[in-house]
Amino acid sequence: MDMIEEIIILLGISLDVFGAMECQGALVAKIEKKQLAAFSSILAVGQAVFLGIGGYISQLLCKGRIQSQDSFLGQVAAATIFLCLGVRLFLKAWRNEQIVEHREERVNVLGLLKRYIRGSMFTLLTGIALGFLGKRLSVLLLLVAAFTVTATIVGLYTGYRLGYEHKLKAYILGGILLFAGGAEVITQYILC
């Protein structure tokens, strides 16, 4: 798996953040730039931390095991994680949960943080999967932070200007990207 596939996977998980921020953007009366900068920074650091923790967990699980069977099981687990994350986004798109649009004066930071912490478990799983594939996470931590900041800002402004209808497209595209990452792991590692 080279950098392009890693970027595809990170974009896939970032589209989940985009969908959540788009829903929040559809509700706010005004976007406060300072609050947005602080919140996107918190989310970016959180995504990088959870991805790093996932990579560290996979290192602990694989410590001292360098047999080919163990590495094969890690590759199967990584492919399964990516495919399951893709299915999760497809299910979110299929459910297409409606939100009651009512104006809020400010972004509901506490509600978003609760939803983010639930969703960050999937970033943790992504870190574990990338660790099983032997990926060095140093560059990926910076990329996931950059993608998260972008997804937060673009998602919030998209929701603010256009409503929350585009979250469906984001979830479907994210699911496709994660499925592509899982298929890449299968073809490159497992079937070879």
Protein backbone atom coordinates (compact mmCIF):
# COMPACT_ATOMS: atom_id res chain seq x y z
CA MET A 1 0.00 0.00 0.00
CA ASP A 2 1.58 3.22 -1.07
CA MET A 3 0.84 6.81 -0.15
CA ILE A 4 -2.07 7.16 -2.59
CA GLU A 5 -3.97 4.32 -0.95
CA GLU A 6 -3.24 5.71 2.50
CA ILE A 7 -4.57 9.10 1.39
CA ILE A 8 -7.71 7.42 0.02
CA ILE A 9 -8.36 5.75 3.38
CA LEU A 10 -7.75 8.95 5.34
CA LEU A 11 -10.06 10.87 3.00
CA GLY A 12 -12.70 8.20 3.55
CA ILE A 13 -12.68 8.64 7.31
CA SER A 14 -12.52 12.45 6.95
CA LEU A 15 -15.77 12.44 4.98
CA ASP A 16 -17.51 11.17 8.10
CA VAL A 17 -16.35 14.34 9.87
CA PHE A 18 -17.55 16.38 6.88
CA GLY A 19 -21.07 14.90 7.18
CA ALA A 20 -21.32 15.66 10.89
CA MET A 21 -20.08 19.22 10.41
CA GLU A 22 -22.45 19.79 7.51
CA CYS A 23 -25.40 18.90 9.73
CA GLN A 24 -24.17 21.33 12.37
CA GLY A 25 -23.60 24.05 9.78
CA ALA A 26 -27.22 23.75 8.66
CA LEU A 27 -28.32 24.73 12.17
CA VAL A 28 -26.15 27.68 13.12
CA ALA A 29 -27.25 31.26 12.66
CA LYS A 30 -23.71 32.55 12.30
CA ILE A 31 -20.31 30.91 12.00
CA GLU A 32 -17.83 32.38 14.43
CA LYS A 33 -14.38 32.09 12.94
CA LYS A 34 -12.53 31.92 16.27
CA GLN A 35 -14.78 29.14 17.49
CA LEU A 36 -14.41 27.32 14.17
CA ALA A 37 -10.61 27.60 14.29
CA ALA A 38 -10.50 26.29 17.86
CA PHE A 39 -12.94 23.48 17.17
CA SER A 40 -11.24 22.34 13.95
CA SER A 41 -7.89 22.36 15.76
CA ILE A 42 -9.29 20.24 18.57
CA LEU A 43 -10.78 17.77 16.10
CA ALA A 44 -7.55 17.60 14.07
CA VAL A 45 -5.44 16.91 17.15
CA GLY A 46 -8.00 14.35 18.33
CA GLN A 47 -7.99 12.52 14.99
CA ALA A 48 -4.18 12.43 14.97
CA VAL A 49 -4.09 11.19 18.57
CA PHE A 50 -6.62 8.42 17.94
CA LEU A 51 -4.84 7.35 14.75
CA GLY A 52 -1.54 7.28 16.66
CA ILE A 53 -3.03 5.31 19.55
CA GLY A 54 -4.41 2.80 17.05
CA GLY A 55 -0.98 2.40 15.48
CA TYR A 56 0.57 1.95 18.91
CA ILE A 57 -2.02 -0.70 19.85
CA SER A 58 -1.25 -2.65 16.69
CA GLN A 59 2.47 -2.50 17.52
CA LEU A 60 1.75 -3.90 20.98
CA LEU A 61 -0.37 -6.68 19.49
CA CYS A 62 2.30 -7.59 16.95
CA LYS A 63 5.32 -7.18 19.24
CA GLY A 64 7.67 -10.10 18.94
CA ARG A 65 5.57 -11.78 16.27
CA ILE A 66 7.17 -11.66 12.88
CA GLN A 67 5.96 -14.98 11.54
CA SER A 68 4.29 -14.87 8.14
CA GLN A 69 1.05 -16.32 9.51
CA ASP A 70 0.77 -13.51 12.08
CA SER A 71 1.43 -10.88 9.44
CA PHE A 72 -1.19 -12.53 7.20
CA LEU A 73 -3.75 -12.35 10.02
CA GLY A 74 -2.92 -8.67 10.51
CA GLN A 75 -3.45 -8.02 6.81
CA VAL A 76 -6.80 -9.83 6.89
CA ALA A 77 -7.79 -7.81 9.96
CA ALA A 78 -6.78 -4.56 8.20
CA ALA A 79 -8.83 -5.40 5.11
CA THR A 80 -11.79 -6.34 7.30
CA ILE A 81 -11.56 -3.08 9.25
CA PHE A 82 -11.51 -0.97 6.07
CA LEU A 83 -14.42 -2.89 4.54
CA CYS A 84 -16.46 -2.65 7.75
CA LEU A 85 -15.81 1.09 8.00
CA GLY A 86 -17.01 1.42 4.42
CA VAL A 87 -20.16 -0.55 5.25
CA ARG A 88 -20.73 1.74 8.24
CA LEU A 89 -20.69 4.83 6.01
CA PHE A 90 -22.97 3.15 3.47
CA LEU A 91 -25.42 2.36 6.28
CA LYS A 92 -25.29 5.97 7.47
CA ALA A 93 -26.11 7.06 3.92
CA TRP A 94 -28.90 4.51 3.62
CA ARG A 95 -30.49 5.54 6.92
CA ASN A 96 -30.14 9.19 5.91
CA GLU A 97 -31.15 10.43 9.32
CA GLN A 98 -33.06 13.66 9.07
CA ILE A 99 -32.34 16.50 11.41
CA VAL A 100 -34.84 19.01 12.62
CA GLU A 101 -33.56 22.27 11.23
CA HIS A 102 -33.81 24.98 13.81
CA ARG A 103 -31.47 27.87 14.18
CA GLU A 104 -28.97 27.81 16.99
CA GLU A 105 -27.02 30.91 17.86
CA ARG A 106 -23.75 29.02 18.22
CA VAL A 107 -22.28 25.69 17.31
CA ASN A 108 -23.30 23.07 19.86
CA VAL A 109 -19.73 22.22 20.84
CA LEU A 110 -20.64 19.74 23.59
CA GLY A 111 -22.99 17.80 21.32
CA LEU A 112 -20.42 17.74 18.54
CA LEU A 113 -17.69 16.56 20.88
CA LYS A 114 -19.87 13.69 22.13
CA ARG A 115 -20.62 12.65 18.56
CA TYR A 116 -16.97 13.08 17.64
CA ILE A 117 -15.73 10.85 20.47
CA ARG A 118 -18.09 8.09 19.33
CA GLY A 119 -16.85 8.51 15.76
CA SER A 120 -13.20 8.69 16.73
CA MET A 121 -13.27 5.02 17.66
CA PHE A 122 -13.35 4.38 13.92
CA THR A 123 -10.20 6.47 13.52
CA LEU A 124 -8.64 4.31 16.23
CA LEU A 125 -9.57 1.21 14.21
CA THR A 126 -8.05 2.79 11.11
CA GLY A 127 -4.81 3.34 13.03
CA ILE A 128 -4.83 -0.29 14.14
CA ALA A 129 -5.36 -1.45 10.55
CA LEU A 130 -2.58 0.77 9.21
CA GLY A 131 -0.31 -0.51 11.99
CA PHE A 132 -1.07 -4.11 11.05
CA LEU A 133 0.10 -3.25 7.54
CA GLY A 134 3.36 -1.93 8.92
CA LYS A 135 2.73 1.69 8.00
CA ARG A 136 4.73 4.45 9.62
CA LEU A 137 2.22 6.89 10.97
CA SER A 138 4.38 10.02 11.22
CA VAL A 139 3.30 11.49 7.87
CA LEU A 140 -0.20 10.05 8.17
CA LEU A 141 -0.77 11.89 11.45
CA LEU A 142 -0.13 15.19 9.69
CA LEU A 143 -2.34 14.21 6.77
CA VAL A 144 -5.28 13.17 8.94
CA ALA A 145 -5.00 16.44 10.86
CA ALA A 146 -5.00 18.45 7.62
CA PHE A 147 -7.93 16.47 6.20
CA THR A 148 -9.87 16.91 9.43
CA VAL A 149 -9.39 20.68 9.46
CA THR A 150 -10.46 20.86 5.82
CA ALA A 151 -13.47 18.58 6.37
CA THR A 152 -14.54 20.59 9.43
CA ILE A 153 -14.36 23.98 7.74
CA VAL A 154 -15.78 22.92 4.37
CA GLY A 155 -18.49 20.80 6.01
CA LEU A 156 -19.62 23.59 8.31
CA TYR A 157 -19.77 26.17 5.51
CA THR A 158 -21.48 23.71 3.14
CA GLY A 159 -24.18 23.07 5.73
CA TYR A 160 -24.47 26.77 6.47
CA ARG A 161 -24.93 27.70 2.82
CA LEU A 162 -26.65 24.65 1.33
CA GLY A 163 -28.20 22.65 4.17
CA TYR A 164 -27.43 19.12 5.20
CA GLU A 165 -28.49 17.22 2.06
CA HIS A 166 -24.92 16.70 0.83
CA LYS A 167 -23.99 14.49 3.77
CA LEU A 168 -25.51 11.57 1.88
CA LYS A 169 -23.02 12.06 -0.96
CA ALA A 170 -20.16 12.42 1.52
CA TYR A 171 -21.06 9.17 3.28
CA ILE A 172 -21.36 7.29 -0.01
CA LEU A 173 -18.05 8.66 -1.31
CA GLY A 174 -16.38 7.88 2.03
CA GLY A 175 -17.74 4.33 1.89
CA ILE A 176 -16.44 3.90 -1.67
CA LEU A 177 -13.01 5.18 -0.67
CA LEU A 178 -12.81 2.83 2.32
CA PHE A 179 -13.99 -0.10 0.20
CA ALA A 180 -11.28 0.78 -2.32
CA GLY A 181 -8.72 0.76 0.50
CA GLY A 182 -9.94 -2.64 1.70
CA ALA A 183 -9.86 -4.02 -1.83
CA GLU A 184 -6.32 -2.69 -2.27
CA VAL A 185 -5.20 -4.49 0.89
CA ILE A 186 -6.80 -7.70 -0.35
CA THR A 187 -5.19 -7.54 -3.79
CA GLN A 188 -1.79 -6.27 -2.71
CA TYR A 189 -1.22 -8.25 0.51
CA ILE A 190 -3.61 -11.15 0.81
CA LEU A 191 -3.95 -12.50 -2.74
CA CYS A 192 -0.24 -12.17 -3.58
